Amino acid sequence: MAAADASFDDLAPLGRLIGSARIVALEGGSHRILEHGLIRDRILRFLIQEWGFTVYAAESRDHSQPGRRHLDSGR
């Protein structure tokens, strides 16, 4: 599990794919696999901290909590 202040250097290719897009959709994957939740959390932090995204929508309340914490804290 990456620390909250870990570098996002490995996600730079994702940033190039995003380009000037203001909407990014993430695949939900399996909700019962820990690693899917961890990478989704990391990508959300990347989108918020590095690309300035401010809105996160999820299919259920449980999955919105990691992103919501980052939006509320501004980190």
Protein backbone atom coordinates (compact mmCIF):
# COMPACT_ATOMS: atom_id res chain seq x y z
CA MET A 1 0.00 0.00 0.00
CA ALA A 2 1.44 3.36 -1.03
CA ALA A 3 1.77 6.15 1.51
CA ALA A 4 -0.61 9.08 1.08
CA ASP A 5 2.33 11.33 0.18
CA ALA A 6 3.91 8.83 -2.26
CA SER A 7 5.08 10.08 -5.64
CA PHE A 8 2.74 9.74 -8.58
CA ASP A 9 5.60 9.36 -11.08
CA ASP A 10 4.38 5.91 -12.09
CA LEU A 11 0.98 7.37 -13.00
CA ALA A 12 2.44 9.95 -15.43
CA PRO A 13 1.31 7.88 -18.46
CA LEU A 14 -2.25 8.09 -17.13
CA GLY A 15 -1.92 11.87 -17.03
CA ARG A 16 -0.90 11.90 -20.68
CA LEU A 17 -4.00 9.84 -21.52
CA ILE A 18 -6.24 12.25 -19.60
CA GLY A 19 -4.93 15.25 -21.52
CA SER A 20 -7.45 18.08 -21.25
CA ALA A 21 -10.39 15.84 -20.33
CA ARG A 22 -12.52 17.03 -17.42
CA ILE A 23 -14.36 13.74 -16.99
CA VAL A 24 -12.60 10.44 -16.29
CA ALA A 25 -14.43 7.15 -15.77
CA LEU A 26 -12.86 4.39 -13.68
CA GLU A 27 -13.85 0.75 -14.00
CA GLY A 28 -15.33 -0.59 -10.80
CA GLY A 29 -13.73 -4.00 -11.11
CA SER A 30 -14.57 -6.43 -8.38
CA HIS A 31 -15.72 -4.84 -5.16
CA ARG A 32 -14.38 -7.77 -3.16
CA ILE A 33 -10.75 -7.49 -4.24
CA LEU A 34 -8.69 -5.28 -1.94
CA GLU A 35 -6.17 -4.28 -4.61
CA HIS A 36 -8.88 -2.83 -6.85
CA GLY A 37 -9.97 -0.50 -4.07
CA LEU A 38 -6.38 0.47 -3.30
CA ILE A 39 -5.53 1.38 -6.90
CA ARG A 40 -8.83 3.24 -7.30
CA ASP A 41 -7.99 5.24 -4.17
CA ARG A 42 -4.52 6.01 -5.52
CA ILE A 43 -5.83 7.06 -8.92
CA LEU A 44 -8.40 9.30 -7.23
CA ARG A 45 -5.65 10.96 -5.18
CA PHE A 46 -3.68 11.44 -8.41
CA LEU A 47 -6.66 13.02 -10.18
CA ILE A 48 -7.39 15.33 -7.25
CA GLN A 49 -3.86 16.33 -6.26
CA GLU A 50 -2.13 16.41 -9.64
CA TRP A 51 -4.95 17.26 -12.07
CA GLY A 52 -7.29 19.36 -9.94
CA PHE A 53 -10.38 17.19 -10.26
CA THR A 54 -13.02 18.21 -7.71
CA VAL A 55 -16.01 15.92 -8.34
CA TYR A 56 -16.20 12.19 -7.77
CA ALA A 57 -19.31 10.11 -8.42
CA ALA A 58 -19.61 6.46 -7.46
CA GLU A 59 -22.16 3.73 -7.80
CA SER A 60 -22.47 3.26 -4.04
CA ARG A 61 -21.73 5.14 -0.84
CA ASP A 62 -19.08 2.66 0.33
CA HIS A 63 -16.95 3.23 -2.75
CA SER A 64 -17.20 7.01 -2.55
CA GLN A 65 -15.63 7.28 0.89
CA PRO A 66 -11.91 7.25 -0.09
CA GLY A 67 -12.44 9.96 -2.70
CA ARG A 68 -14.73 11.91 -0.43
CA ARG A 69 -12.06 12.06 2.30
CA HIS A 70 -9.57 13.50 -0.19
CA LEU A 71 -12.02 16.10 -1.45
CA ASP A 72 -13.01 17.13 2.08
CA SER A 73 -9.41 17.43 3.23
CA GLY A 74 -8.16 19.15 0.08
CA ARG A 75 -5.38 16.54 -0.23
